[in-house]
Amino acid sequence: MLARARHPGKNRNGMSGIKDRLYPGAVASIRLLRERGVPQLLLSGTLDRLAQRLARHLDLEHVAAARPEILGGRYTGALLEPHPHGRIKVARARAWLAQNGFTWDRVMACADHFGDRFLLAEAGQAVAVNPRPDLKRRAERERWTVVSDPDLPGMIAAEFPP
């Protein structure tokens, strides 16, 4: 939910152009939550190398992403753990919450992809941000919050007052 999809191009920080595709409202919301001391987890199905770079750019401390197997300095094509997508993403979130002493009722999950419906269903507050049509239909049926990226910072500010 952080970035628009597009064929990546290289930029000078090596993030394959992802920095230029980040949704401004998502970035502003992450900064706002950090300023207010709210713990955040970047939970993504992307490879951890890219997720770690993105987390550094956004100043996020916690990351859970796909960890590729590397043997002899080469990627094998396998993952060290099941791919964090769908229900597996929920399991990764559950482990992080337990490690950090949090419960689902205190979680606000933000997502744009239908594969994240399981994560959204577990969260105390589910937010579909710029959702694709299938997730938007599910969000409306489940009565989850649906927002566009420009509206996200205002919603976050209201939910997490200073």
C-alpha atoms as a PDB file:
ATOM      1  CA  MET A   1       0.000   0.000   0.000  1.00  0.00           C
ATOM      2  CA  LEU A   2       3.019   2.223   0.014  1.00  0.00           C
ATOM      3  CA  ALA A   3       3.693   2.584  -3.695  1.00  0.00           C
ATOM      4  CA  ARG A   4       2.144   2.707  -7.139  1.00  0.00           C
ATOM      5  CA  ALA A   5       2.995  -0.193  -9.422  1.00  0.00           C
ATOM      6  CA  ARG A   6       5.097   0.682 -12.433  1.00  0.00           C
ATOM      7  CA  HIS A   7       8.053  -0.690 -14.324  1.00  0.00           C
ATOM      8  CA  PRO A   8      10.983   0.180 -12.063  1.00  0.00           C
ATOM      9  CA  GLY A   9      13.836   2.385 -13.166  1.00  0.00           C
ATOM     10  CA  LYS A  10      17.092   2.942 -11.357  1.00  0.00           C
ATOM     11  CA  ASN A  11      17.578   5.957  -9.167  1.00  0.00           C
ATOM     12  CA  ARG A  12      20.738   7.059  -7.416  1.00  0.00           C
ATOM     13  CA  ASN A  13      20.011   5.395  -4.076  1.00  0.00           C
ATOM     14  CA  GLY A  14      19.658   1.960  -5.675  1.00  0.00           C
ATOM     15  CA  MET A  15      16.022   1.479  -4.709  1.00  0.00           C
ATOM     16  CA  SER A  16      15.022   0.834  -8.341  1.00  0.00           C
ATOM     17  CA  GLY A  17      12.856   3.920  -8.466  1.00  0.00           C
ATOM     18  CA  ILE A  18      10.584   2.821  -5.617  1.00  0.00           C
ATOM     19  CA  LYS A  19      11.200   6.069  -3.753  1.00  0.00           C
ATOM     20  CA  ASP A  20       9.599   7.998  -6.601  1.00  0.00           C
ATOM     21  CA  ARG A  21       6.517   5.774  -6.538  1.00  0.00           C
ATOM     22  CA  LEU A  22       5.721   5.999  -2.835  1.00  0.00           C
ATOM     23  CA  TYR A  23       2.294   7.339  -2.050  1.00  0.00           C
ATOM     24  CA  PRO A  24       2.790  10.743  -0.381  1.00  0.00           C
ATOM     25  CA  GLY A  25      -0.060  10.153   2.074  1.00  0.00           C
ATOM     26  CA  ALA A  26       1.405   6.843   3.186  1.00  0.00           C
ATOM     27  CA  VAL A  27       4.824   8.408   3.732  1.00  0.00           C
ATOM     28  CA  ALA A  28       3.287  11.299   5.687  1.00  0.00           C
ATOM     29  CA  SER A  29       1.273   8.855   7.794  1.00  0.00           C
ATOM     30  CA  ILE A  30       4.352   6.777   8.629  1.00  0.00           C
ATOM     31  CA  ARG A  31       6.183   9.918   9.738  1.00  0.00           C
ATOM     32  CA  LEU A  32       3.202  11.088  11.783  1.00  0.00           C
ATOM     33  CA  LEU A  33       2.931   7.735  13.558  1.00  0.00           C
ATOM     34  CA  ARG A  34       6.679   7.693  14.250  1.00  0.00           C
ATOM     35  CA  GLU A  35       6.493  11.225  15.699  1.00  0.00           C
ATOM     36  CA  ARG A  36       3.681  10.057  17.980  1.00  0.00           C
ATOM     37  CA  GLY A  37       5.659   7.044  19.155  1.00  0.00           C
ATOM     38  CA  VAL A  38       3.423   4.421  17.548  1.00  0.00           C
ATOM     39  CA  PRO A  39       5.288   1.162  16.791  1.00  0.00           C
ATOM     40  CA  GLN A  40       5.118   0.187  13.120  1.00  0.00           C
ATOM     41  CA  LEU A  41       5.913  -2.964  11.180  1.00  0.00           C
ATOM     42  CA  LEU A  42       6.609  -3.000   7.454  1.00  0.00           C
ATOM     43  CA  LEU A  43       5.143  -6.405   6.575  1.00  0.00           C
ATOM     44  CA  SER A  44       5.673  -7.238   2.933  1.00  0.00           C
ATOM     45  CA  GLY A  45       5.886 -10.114   0.512  1.00  0.00           C
ATOM     46  CA  THR A  46       8.764  -8.401  -1.278  1.00  0.00           C
ATOM     47  CA  LEU A  47      12.323  -9.583  -0.796  1.00  0.00           C
ATOM     48  CA  ASP A  48      13.806  -8.445   2.487  1.00  0.00           C
ATOM     49  CA  ARG A  49      16.727  -6.667   0.804  1.00  0.00           C
ATOM     50  CA  LEU A  50      14.348  -4.214  -0.855  1.00  0.00           C
ATOM     51  CA  ALA A  51      12.082  -4.047   2.209  1.00  0.00           C
ATOM     52  CA  GLN A  52      15.075  -3.228   4.449  1.00  0.00           C
ATOM     53  CA  ARG A  53      16.145  -0.401   2.122  1.00  0.00           C
ATOM     54  CA  LEU A  54      12.625   0.957   2.081  1.00  0.00           C
ATOM     55  CA  ALA A  55      12.440   0.723   5.876  1.00  0.00           C
ATOM     56  CA  ARG A  56      15.697   2.677   6.201  1.00  0.00           C
ATOM     57  CA  HIS A  57      14.372   5.331   3.829  1.00  0.00           C
ATOM     58  CA  LEU A  58      11.152   5.604   5.876  1.00  0.00           C
ATOM     59  CA  ASP A  59      12.982   5.302   9.219  1.00  0.00           C
ATOM     60  CA  LEU A  60      11.015   2.184  10.166  1.00  0.00           C
ATOM     61  CA  GLU A  61      12.599  -0.046  12.768  1.00  0.00           C
ATOM     62  CA  HIS A  62      10.644  -3.274  12.210  1.00  0.00           C
ATOM     63  CA  VAL A  63      10.487  -5.267   8.966  1.00  0.00           C
ATOM     64  CA  ALA A  64       9.121  -8.697   8.079  1.00  0.00           C
ATOM     65  CA  ALA A  65       9.563  -9.690   4.436  1.00  0.00           C
ATOM     66  CA  ALA A  66      10.481 -12.611   2.180  1.00  0.00           C
ATOM     67  CA  ARG A  67      13.918 -13.965   3.065  1.00  0.00           C
ATOM     68  CA  PRO A  68      15.636 -15.582   0.098  1.00  0.00           C
ATOM     69  CA  GLU A  69      18.045 -18.465   0.396  1.00  0.00           C
ATOM     70  CA  ILE A  70      21.585 -17.511  -0.629  1.00  0.00           C
ATOM     71  CA  LEU A  71      24.239 -20.199  -1.122  1.00  0.00           C
ATOM     72  CA  GLY A  72      27.769 -19.399  -2.197  1.00  0.00           C
ATOM     73  CA  GLY A  73      26.816 -15.759  -2.647  1.00  0.00           C
ATOM     74  CA  ARG A  74      23.999 -16.645  -5.091  1.00  0.00           C
ATOM     75  CA  TYR A  75      20.259 -16.584  -4.747  1.00  0.00           C
ATOM     76  CA  THR A  76      18.844 -20.098  -5.124  1.00  0.00           C
ATOM     77  CA  GLY A  77      15.279 -19.039  -5.918  1.00  0.00           C
ATOM     78  CA  ALA A  78      14.034 -20.560  -2.653  1.00  0.00           C
ATOM     79  CA  LEU A  79      12.861 -18.756   0.458  1.00  0.00           C
ATOM     80  CA  LEU A  80      14.068 -19.516   3.989  1.00  0.00           C
ATOM     81  CA  GLU A  81      10.493 -19.294   5.295  1.00  0.00           C
ATOM     82  CA  PRO A  82       7.095 -19.492   3.600  1.00  0.00           C
ATOM     83  CA  HIS A  83       6.333 -16.442   1.465  1.00  0.00           C
ATOM     84  CA  PRO A  84       4.652 -13.749   3.631  1.00  0.00           C
ATOM     85  CA  HIS A  85       1.401 -13.503   1.696  1.00  0.00           C
ATOM     86  CA  GLY A  86      -2.201 -14.220   2.638  1.00  0.00           C
ATOM     87  CA  ARG A  87      -2.527 -16.283   5.795  1.00  0.00           C
ATOM     88  CA  ILE A  88       1.267 -16.571   6.136  1.00  0.00           C
ATOM     89  CA  LYS A  89       1.412 -12.788   6.467  1.00  0.00           C
ATOM     90  CA  VAL A  90      -1.014 -13.087   9.390  1.00  0.00           C
ATOM     91  CA  ALA A  91       1.275 -15.656  11.031  1.00  0.00           C
ATOM     92  CA  ARG A  92       4.280 -13.336  10.616  1.00  0.00           C
ATOM     93  CA  ALA A  93       2.281 -10.449  12.115  1.00  0.00           C
ATOM     94  CA  ARG A  94       1.092 -12.660  14.973  1.00  0.00           C
ATOM     95  CA  ALA A  95       4.695 -13.617  15.800  1.00  0.00           C
ATOM     96  CA  TRP A  96       5.814  -9.969  15.736  1.00  0.00           C
ATOM     97  CA  LEU A  97       2.910  -8.920  17.948  1.00  0.00           C
ATOM     98  CA  ALA A  98       3.698 -11.644  20.495  1.00  0.00           C
ATOM     99  CA  GLN A  99       7.419 -10.746  20.487  1.00  0.00           C
ATOM    100  CA  ASN A 100       6.574  -7.123  21.172  1.00  0.00           C
ATOM    101  CA  GLY A 101       3.732  -7.618  23.665  1.00  0.00           C
ATOM    102  CA  PHE A 102       0.909  -6.340  21.452  1.00  0.00           C
ATOM    103  CA  THR A 103      -2.531  -7.763  20.747  1.00  0.00           C
ATOM    104  CA  TRP A 104      -4.619  -7.680  17.568  1.00  0.00           C
ATOM    105  CA  ASP A 105      -7.181  -5.320  19.097  1.00  0.00           C
ATOM    106  CA  ARG A 106      -4.476  -2.613  19.167  1.00  0.00           C
ATOM    107  CA  VAL A 107      -3.496  -3.126  15.502  1.00  0.00           C
ATOM    108  CA  MET A 108      -4.357  -0.830  12.618  1.00  0.00           C
ATOM    109  CA  ALA A 109      -3.548  -2.683   9.401  1.00  0.00           C
ATOM    110  CA  CYS A 110      -3.384  -0.777   6.112  1.00  0.00           C
ATOM    111  CA  ALA A 111      -3.392  -2.579   2.776  1.00  0.00           C
ATOM    112  CA  ASP A 112      -4.402  -2.256  -0.865  1.00  0.00           C
ATOM    113  CA  HIS A 113      -4.279  -5.850  -2.118  1.00  0.00           C
ATOM    114  CA  PHE A 114      -6.910  -8.592  -1.868  1.00  0.00           C
ATOM    115  CA  GLY A 115      -4.254 -10.988  -0.568  1.00  0.00           C
ATOM    116  CA  ASP A 116      -4.113  -8.856   2.591  1.00  0.00           C
ATOM    117  CA  ARG A 117      -7.776  -9.512   3.448  1.00  0.00           C
ATOM    118  CA  PHE A 118      -6.760 -12.073   6.088  1.00  0.00           C
ATOM    119  CA  LEU A 119      -4.487  -9.551   7.799  1.00  0.00           C
ATOM    120  CA  LEU A 120      -7.175  -6.877   7.672  1.00  0.00           C
ATOM    121  CA  ALA A 121      -9.723  -9.305   9.143  1.00  0.00           C
ATOM    122  CA  GLU A 122      -7.503  -9.897  12.204  1.00  0.00           C
ATOM    123  CA  ALA A 123      -6.740  -6.248  12.906  1.00  0.00           C
ATOM    124  CA  GLY A 124      -8.596  -4.211  15.468  1.00  0.00           C
ATOM    125  CA  GLN A 125      -8.922  -1.575  12.758  1.00  0.00           C
ATOM    126  CA  ALA A 126      -8.716  -2.471   9.084  1.00  0.00           C
ATOM    127  CA  VAL A 127      -7.972   0.223   6.521  1.00  0.00           C
ATOM    128  CA  ALA A 128      -8.092  -0.401   2.784  1.00  0.00           C
ATOM    129  CA  VAL A 129      -5.974   2.334   1.175  1.00  0.00           C
ATOM    130  CA  ASN A 130      -6.438   2.904  -2.561  1.00  0.00           C
ATOM    131  CA  PRO A 131      -7.830  -0.634  -2.671  1.00  0.00           C
ATOM    132  CA  ARG A 132      -8.050  -2.637  -5.839  1.00  0.00           C
ATOM    133  CA  PRO A 133     -11.663  -3.419  -6.817  1.00  0.00           C
ATOM    134  CA  ASP A 134     -11.784  -6.876  -5.210  1.00  0.00           C
ATOM    135  CA  LEU A 135     -10.477  -5.581  -1.885  1.00  0.00           C
ATOM    136  CA  LYS A 136     -12.760  -2.550  -2.043  1.00  0.00           C
ATOM    137  CA  ARG A 137     -15.797  -4.842  -2.386  1.00  0.00           C
ATOM    138  CA  ARG A 138     -14.597  -6.953   0.551  1.00  0.00           C
ATOM    139  CA  ALA A 139     -13.869  -3.863   2.658  1.00  0.00           C
ATOM    140  CA  GLU A 140     -17.332  -2.472   2.021  1.00  0.00           C
ATOM    141  CA  ARG A 141     -18.930  -5.819   2.894  1.00  0.00           C
ATOM    142  CA  GLU A 142     -16.850  -6.114   6.096  1.00  0.00           C
ATOM    143  CA  ARG A 143     -17.360  -2.427   6.932  1.00  0.00           C
ATOM    144  CA  TRP A 144     -13.628  -1.728   6.992  1.00  0.00           C
ATOM    145  CA  THR A 145     -12.439   1.818   6.503  1.00  0.00           C
ATOM    146  CA  VAL A 146     -11.741   2.676   2.851  1.00  0.00           C
ATOM    147  CA  VAL A 147      -9.596   5.732   2.134  1.00  0.00           C
ATOM    148  CA  SER A 148      -7.647   7.216  -0.724  1.00  0.00           C
ATOM    149  CA  ASP A 149      -3.996   8.013  -0.172  1.00  0.00           C
ATOM    150  CA  PRO A 150      -4.476  11.802   0.167  1.00  0.00           C
ATOM    151  CA  ASP A 151      -7.000  11.209   2.982  1.00  0.00           C
ATOM    152  CA  LEU A 152      -4.847   8.776   4.954  1.00  0.00           C
ATOM    153  CA  PRO A 153      -2.816  11.303   7.009  1.00  0.00           C
ATOM    154  CA  GLY A 154      -5.969  13.039   8.232  1.00  0.00           C
ATOM    155  CA  MET A 155      -7.526   9.732   9.259  1.00  0.00           C
ATOM    156  CA  ILE A 156      -4.301   8.665  11.015  1.00  0.00           C
ATOM    157  CA  ALA A 157      -4.051  12.016  12.834  1.00  0.00           C
ATOM    158  CA  ALA A 158      -7.607  11.618  14.102  1.00  0.00           C
ATOM    159  CA  GLU A 159      -6.978   8.045  15.282  1.00  0.00           C
ATOM    160  CA  PHE A 160      -3.654   8.821  16.982  1.00  0.00           C
ATOM    161  CA  PRO A 161      -3.902  12.272  18.546  1.00  0.00           C
ATOM    162  CA  PRO A 162      -0.725  13.835  20.007  1.00  0.00           C
END
